[in-house]
Amino acid sequence: MKRLQRYYFLVGIPVLLIGLGATYFNHEIMGTINGNPHPQINYLIILLIVGGCIQMLLHVRRINAEGQLIEAFSDLLLNDKNINAARALVHERKSQSESDVVEVLEMVLDTHASTVDAIHHSAIESE
């Protein structure tokens, strides 16, 4: 899980640089906006930059949540050997519609402790 936490740092660096740049060049940015007869394009650019930064942070948060789900699922299934708890965890997350990886985990549950034929194997790989 610690490997996924580094993405906060990797995404945080550009966000921090944009914030520092906007602070340092505040006078020039305001001069451009005030000197432009149609400042709406400047507002749109600023809005897109802020929206992109927020979206990057939200995606990293989602990746970390899915990593935690996979880690909890693996612990329940491999370490605790509790398939019922793993099935309950997957069912709970599926009802919340929070994760993209739930369908793959359901396939893993369906094929757990059994031989996997070529069709199931290719379906799991494609997911």
Protein backbone atom coordinates (compact mmCIF):
# COMPACT_ATOMS: atom_id res chain seq x y z
CA MET A 1 0.00 0.00 0.00
CA LYS A 2 2.89 2.36 0.61
CA ARG A 3 3.76 2.13 -3.08
CA LEU A 4 0.43 3.76 -3.94
CA GLN A 5 0.89 6.57 -1.39
CA ARG A 6 3.79 7.95 -3.43
CA TYR A 7 1.32 9.04 -6.12
CA TYR A 8 0.07 11.73 -3.76
CA PHE A 9 3.61 13.07 -3.78
CA LEU A 10 4.00 12.70 -7.56
CA VAL A 11 0.71 14.49 -8.23
CA GLY A 12 1.26 16.98 -5.43
CA ILE A 13 4.48 18.32 -6.95
CA PRO A 14 2.82 19.79 -10.09
CA VAL A 15 -0.08 21.12 -8.01
CA LEU A 16 2.37 22.76 -5.63
CA LEU A 17 4.41 24.20 -8.51
CA ILE A 18 1.26 25.65 -10.10
CA GLY A 19 0.29 27.21 -6.77
CA LEU A 20 3.76 28.65 -6.21
CA GLY A 21 3.92 29.93 -9.79
CA ALA A 22 0.52 31.57 -9.50
CA THR A 23 1.60 33.22 -6.25
CA TYR A 24 4.97 34.37 -7.60
CA PHE A 25 3.55 35.65 -10.91
CA ASN A 26 0.34 37.02 -9.39
CA HIS A 27 1.05 40.59 -10.54
CA GLU A 28 1.70 39.50 -14.14
CA ILE A 29 -1.36 37.23 -14.21
CA MET A 30 -3.61 40.01 -12.90
CA GLY A 31 -2.09 42.44 -15.43
CA THR A 32 -2.89 40.03 -18.25
CA ILE A 33 -6.46 39.56 -17.06
CA ASN A 34 -7.01 43.31 -16.55
CA GLY A 35 -5.40 44.22 -19.88
CA ASN A 36 -7.37 41.71 -21.91
CA PRO A 37 -10.58 43.10 -23.46
CA HIS A 38 -12.13 39.59 -23.17
CA PRO A 39 -10.83 38.12 -19.89
CA GLN A 40 -13.23 35.17 -20.10
CA ILE A 41 -10.57 33.09 -21.85
CA ASN A 42 -8.21 33.75 -18.93
CA TYR A 43 -10.91 32.68 -16.47
CA LEU A 44 -11.51 29.53 -18.51
CA ILE A 45 -7.80 28.67 -18.50
CA ILE A 46 -7.58 29.19 -14.74
CA LEU A 47 -10.73 27.12 -14.21
CA LEU A 48 -9.34 24.28 -16.35
CA ILE A 49 -6.03 24.30 -14.46
CA VAL A 50 -7.77 24.18 -11.07
CA GLY A 51 -10.22 21.54 -12.29
CA GLY A 52 -7.37 19.41 -13.66
CA CYS A 53 -5.47 19.60 -10.37
CA ILE A 54 -8.56 18.58 -8.40
CA GLN A 55 -9.27 15.74 -10.81
CA MET A 56 -5.70 14.42 -10.52
CA LEU A 57 -5.94 14.37 -6.73
CA LEU A 58 -9.32 12.63 -6.84
CA HIS A 59 -7.98 9.95 -9.18
CA VAL A 60 -5.04 9.26 -6.87
CA ARG A 61 -7.49 8.99 -3.98
CA ARG A 62 -9.56 6.48 -5.95
CA ILE A 63 -6.49 4.43 -6.90
CA ASN A 64 -5.51 4.24 -3.23
CA ALA A 65 -9.03 3.18 -2.22
CA GLU A 66 -8.99 0.39 -4.82
CA GLY A 67 -5.54 -0.67 -3.65
CA GLN A 68 -6.84 -0.92 -0.09
CA LEU A 69 -9.78 -3.00 -1.32
CA ILE A 70 -7.49 -5.41 -3.16
CA GLU A 71 -5.21 -5.65 -0.14
CA ALA A 72 -8.12 -6.36 2.23
CA PHE A 73 -9.56 -8.90 -0.21
CA SER A 74 -6.22 -10.67 -0.55
CA ASP A 75 -5.74 -10.78 3.22
CA LEU A 76 -9.19 -12.28 3.74
CA LEU A 77 -8.83 -14.83 0.97
CA LEU A 78 -5.19 -15.85 1.25
CA ASN A 79 -4.16 -15.23 4.85
CA ASP A 80 -7.41 -15.76 6.76
CA LYS A 81 -8.87 -18.31 4.30
CA ASN A 82 -12.26 -16.71 4.88
CA ILE A 83 -14.08 -16.79 1.54
CA ASN A 84 -17.39 -15.69 3.10
CA ALA A 85 -15.88 -12.50 4.50
CA ALA A 86 -14.18 -11.81 1.15
CA ARG A 87 -17.50 -12.34 -0.64
CA ALA A 88 -19.23 -9.98 1.85
CA LEU A 89 -16.55 -7.33 1.29
CA VAL A 90 -16.96 -7.53 -2.49
CA HIS A 91 -20.76 -7.47 -2.21
CA GLU A 92 -20.61 -4.42 0.08
CA ARG A 93 -18.36 -2.50 -2.32
CA LYS A 94 -20.48 -3.51 -5.30
CA SER A 95 -23.62 -2.18 -3.62
CA GLN A 96 -21.83 1.12 -2.96
CA SER A 97 -20.66 1.29 -6.62
CA GLU A 98 -17.37 2.79 -5.51
CA SER A 99 -14.87 0.56 -7.24
CA ASP A 100 -13.96 -0.50 -10.75
CA VAL A 101 -12.11 -3.58 -9.56
CA VAL A 102 -15.13 -5.29 -7.96
CA GLU A 103 -16.01 -7.25 -11.11
CA VAL A 104 -12.51 -8.70 -11.30
CA LEU A 105 -12.63 -9.66 -7.62
CA GLU A 106 -15.96 -11.40 -8.22
CA MET A 107 -14.34 -13.43 -11.01
CA VAL A 108 -11.52 -14.34 -8.66
CA LEU A 109 -14.06 -15.49 -6.06
CA ASP A 110 -15.90 -17.58 -8.64
CA THR A 111 -12.71 -19.31 -9.72
CA HIS A 112 -11.06 -19.55 -6.30
CA ALA A 113 -9.88 -23.07 -5.35
CA SER A 114 -10.87 -24.50 -8.72
CA THR A 115 -9.17 -25.05 -12.03
CA VAL A 116 -9.55 -22.22 -14.49
CA ASP A 117 -10.25 -23.04 -18.12
CA ALA A 118 -8.95 -20.97 -21.01
CA ILE A 119 -12.13 -18.93 -21.39
CA HIS A 120 -12.22 -17.83 -17.74
CA HIS A 121 -8.50 -17.14 -17.81
CA SER A 122 -8.77 -14.86 -20.84
CA ALA A 123 -11.82 -13.11 -19.33
CA ILE A 124 -9.96 -12.40 -16.09
CA GLU A 125 -6.91 -11.21 -18.02
CA SER A 126 -8.95 -8.85 -20.18
CA GLU A 127 -10.61 -7.34 -17.11
